[in-house]
Amino acid sequence: MSADVIELRGTKTGRERLRDLEDEVFGANARRVNGHIERGHGSAFSKLDVPTQQKFLALDRLIETEEVLVSANERLRLSAEAAQAAEASRTAALAIVKGITP
């Protein structure tokens, strides 16, 4: 069984792109809480124009999608390993059965 795993190598991740945009808009030394720019009411983010806020929201969606993709790829990899193990068990069982049945 072959599992094709989609990889994001060679491109910037959503998190990297978000950090780049944050640095561009707020500056590289902008205050962050737990690594994130504050987005609440009264924050510098809330004062941005709508198109710029939409860029941030699109990157948020990209990050969420990448996280789902990584999780799905891990489940796919584990499923492929389980299928290979099951096939090996079946092959072993068939060898035993062939040895005791005509």
C-alpha atoms as a PDB file:
ATOM      1  CA  MET A   1       0.000   0.000   0.000  1.00  0.00           C
ATOM      2  CA  SER A   2       1.390   3.408  -0.928  1.00  0.00           C
ATOM      3  CA  ALA A   3       0.459   6.585   0.893  1.00  0.00           C
ATOM      4  CA  ASP A   4       1.084   9.888  -0.826  1.00  0.00           C
ATOM      5  CA  VAL A   5       1.886  12.500   1.783  1.00  0.00           C
ATOM      6  CA  ILE A   6       1.546  16.135   0.853  1.00  0.00           C
ATOM      7  CA  GLU A   7       4.477  18.159   2.098  1.00  0.00           C
ATOM      8  CA  LEU A   8       4.888  21.891   2.430  1.00  0.00           C
ATOM      9  CA  ARG A   9       8.655  21.928   1.941  1.00  0.00           C
ATOM     10  CA  GLY A  10      10.078  24.718  -0.113  1.00  0.00           C
ATOM     11  CA  THR A  11       7.333  27.179   0.737  1.00  0.00           C
ATOM     12  CA  LYS A  12       6.845  29.394   3.741  1.00  0.00           C
ATOM     13  CA  THR A  13       4.310  28.126   6.222  1.00  0.00           C
ATOM     14  CA  GLY A  14       1.302  30.178   7.194  1.00  0.00           C
ATOM     15  CA  ARG A  15       2.932  30.918  10.553  1.00  0.00           C
ATOM     16  CA  GLU A  16       6.059  32.222   8.829  1.00  0.00           C
ATOM     17  CA  ARG A  17       3.978  34.348   6.480  1.00  0.00           C
ATOM     18  CA  LEU A  18       1.953  35.683   9.406  1.00  0.00           C
ATOM     19  CA  ARG A  19       5.106  36.633  11.290  1.00  0.00           C
ATOM     20  CA  ASP A  20       6.440  38.378   8.165  1.00  0.00           C
ATOM     21  CA  LEU A  21       3.218  40.376   7.838  1.00  0.00           C
ATOM     22  CA  GLU A  22       3.219  41.219  11.553  1.00  0.00           C
ATOM     23  CA  ASP A  23       6.810  42.424  11.281  1.00  0.00           C
ATOM     24  CA  GLU A  24       5.952  44.476   8.198  1.00  0.00           C
ATOM     25  CA  VAL A  25       2.854  46.066   9.726  1.00  0.00           C
ATOM     26  CA  PHE A  26       3.769  46.349  13.420  1.00  0.00           C
ATOM     27  CA  GLY A  27       7.571  46.098  13.356  1.00  0.00           C
ATOM     28  CA  ALA A  28       9.869  43.236  14.282  1.00  0.00           C
ATOM     29  CA  ASN A  29      10.003  44.342  17.907  1.00  0.00           C
ATOM     30  CA  ALA A  30       6.249  44.660  18.367  1.00  0.00           C
ATOM     31  CA  ARG A  31       4.928  43.484  21.712  1.00  0.00           C
ATOM     32  CA  ARG A  32       3.608  39.940  21.556  1.00  0.00           C
ATOM     33  CA  VAL A  33       1.703  37.874  24.093  1.00  0.00           C
ATOM     34  CA  ASN A  34       2.531  34.173  23.813  1.00  0.00           C
ATOM     35  CA  GLY A  35       4.075  34.927  20.429  1.00  0.00           C
ATOM     36  CA  HIS A  36       0.984  36.655  19.053  1.00  0.00           C
ATOM     37  CA  ILE A  37       0.111  40.285  18.366  1.00  0.00           C
ATOM     38  CA  GLU A  38      -2.866  41.409  20.459  1.00  0.00           C
ATOM     39  CA  ARG A  39      -5.991  41.674  18.324  1.00  0.00           C
ATOM     40  CA  GLY A  40      -8.591  42.725  20.840  1.00  0.00           C
ATOM     41  CA  HIS A  41     -10.671  45.885  21.042  1.00  0.00           C
ATOM     42  CA  GLY A  42      -8.466  48.960  21.183  1.00  0.00           C
ATOM     43  CA  SER A  43      -5.389  47.091  19.968  1.00  0.00           C
ATOM     44  CA  ALA A  44      -3.172  48.270  17.128  1.00  0.00           C
ATOM     45  CA  PHE A  45      -4.668  45.434  15.073  1.00  0.00           C
ATOM     46  CA  SER A  46      -8.197  46.755  15.570  1.00  0.00           C
ATOM     47  CA  LYS A  47      -7.079  50.098  14.136  1.00  0.00           C
ATOM     48  CA  LEU A  48      -5.844  48.591  10.861  1.00  0.00           C
ATOM     49  CA  ASP A  49      -7.790  49.133   7.660  1.00  0.00           C
ATOM     50  CA  VAL A  50     -10.134  46.315   6.656  1.00  0.00           C
ATOM     51  CA  PRO A  51      -8.051  45.003   3.711  1.00  0.00           C
ATOM     52  CA  THR A  52      -5.026  44.589   5.996  1.00  0.00           C
ATOM     53  CA  GLN A  53      -7.128  42.866   8.668  1.00  0.00           C
ATOM     54  CA  GLN A  54      -8.444  40.545   5.963  1.00  0.00           C
ATOM     55  CA  LYS A  55      -4.865  39.584   5.063  1.00  0.00           C
ATOM     56  CA  PHE A  56      -4.305  38.582   8.689  1.00  0.00           C
ATOM     57  CA  LEU A  57      -7.567  36.616   8.784  1.00  0.00           C
ATOM     58  CA  ALA A  58      -6.681  34.818   5.542  1.00  0.00           C
ATOM     59  CA  LEU A  59      -3.341  33.815   7.067  1.00  0.00           C
ATOM     60  CA  ASP A  60      -5.180  32.562  10.152  1.00  0.00           C
ATOM     61  CA  ARG A  61      -7.285  30.323   7.909  1.00  0.00           C
ATOM     62  CA  LEU A  62      -4.143  29.127   6.114  1.00  0.00           C
ATOM     63  CA  ILE A  63      -2.541  28.211   9.449  1.00  0.00           C
ATOM     64  CA  GLU A  64      -5.642  26.282  10.532  1.00  0.00           C
ATOM     65  CA  THR A  65      -5.716  24.447   7.200  1.00  0.00           C
ATOM     66  CA  GLU A  66      -2.026  23.556   7.424  1.00  0.00           C
ATOM     67  CA  GLU A  67      -2.555  22.173  10.934  1.00  0.00           C
ATOM     68  CA  VAL A  68      -5.427  19.999   9.673  1.00  0.00           C
ATOM     69  CA  LEU A  69      -3.250  18.839   6.772  1.00  0.00           C
ATOM     70  CA  VAL A  70      -0.365  17.887   9.051  1.00  0.00           C
ATOM     71  CA  SER A  71      -2.728  15.957  11.313  1.00  0.00           C
ATOM     72  CA  ALA A  72      -4.376  14.199   8.367  1.00  0.00           C
ATOM     73  CA  ASN A  73      -0.987  13.254   6.912  1.00  0.00           C
ATOM     74  CA  GLU A  74       0.069  11.772  10.252  1.00  0.00           C
ATOM     75  CA  ARG A  75      -3.140   9.720  10.417  1.00  0.00           C
ATOM     76  CA  LEU A  76      -2.534   8.621   6.819  1.00  0.00           C
ATOM     77  CA  ARG A  77       1.012   7.524   7.667  1.00  0.00           C
ATOM     78  CA  LEU A  78      -0.183   5.589  10.719  1.00  0.00           C
ATOM     79  CA  SER A  79      -2.960   3.964   8.685  1.00  0.00           C
ATOM     80  CA  ALA A  80      -0.480   2.876   6.025  1.00  0.00           C
ATOM     81  CA  GLU A  81       1.742   1.323   8.700  1.00  0.00           C
ATOM     82  CA  ALA A  82      -1.244  -0.467  10.234  1.00  0.00           C
ATOM     83  CA  ALA A  83      -2.283  -1.774   6.817  1.00  0.00           C
ATOM     84  CA  GLN A  84       1.236  -3.090   6.159  1.00  0.00           C
ATOM     85  CA  ALA A  85       1.286  -4.819   9.546  1.00  0.00           C
ATOM     86  CA  ALA A  86      -2.128  -6.351   8.887  1.00  0.00           C
ATOM     87  CA  GLU A  87      -0.981  -7.590   5.469  1.00  0.00           C
ATOM     88  CA  ALA A  88       2.104  -9.179   7.036  1.00  0.00           C
ATOM     89  CA  SER A  89      -0.084 -10.882   9.665  1.00  0.00           C
ATOM     90  CA  ARG A  90      -2.422 -12.144   6.948  1.00  0.00           C
ATOM     91  CA  THR A  91       0.491 -13.527   4.951  1.00  0.00           C
ATOM     92  CA  ALA A  92       1.814 -15.329   8.033  1.00  0.00           C
ATOM     93  CA  ALA A  93      -1.625 -16.714   8.864  1.00  0.00           C
ATOM     94  CA  LEU A  94      -2.097 -17.943   5.306  1.00  0.00           C
ATOM     95  CA  ALA A  95       1.251 -19.738   5.460  1.00  0.00           C
ATOM     96  CA  ILE A  96       0.163 -21.531   8.637  1.00  0.00           C
ATOM     97  CA  VAL A  97      -3.234 -22.423   7.156  1.00  0.00           C
ATOM     98  CA  LYS A  98      -1.637 -23.776   3.987  1.00  0.00           C
ATOM     99  CA  GLY A  99       0.643 -25.927   6.137  1.00  0.00           C
ATOM    100  CA  ILE A 100      -2.256 -27.563   8.002  1.00  0.00           C
ATOM    101  CA  THR A 101      -4.912 -27.793   5.301  1.00  0.00           C
ATOM    102  CA  PRO A 102      -4.918 -29.574   1.990  1.00  0.00           C
END
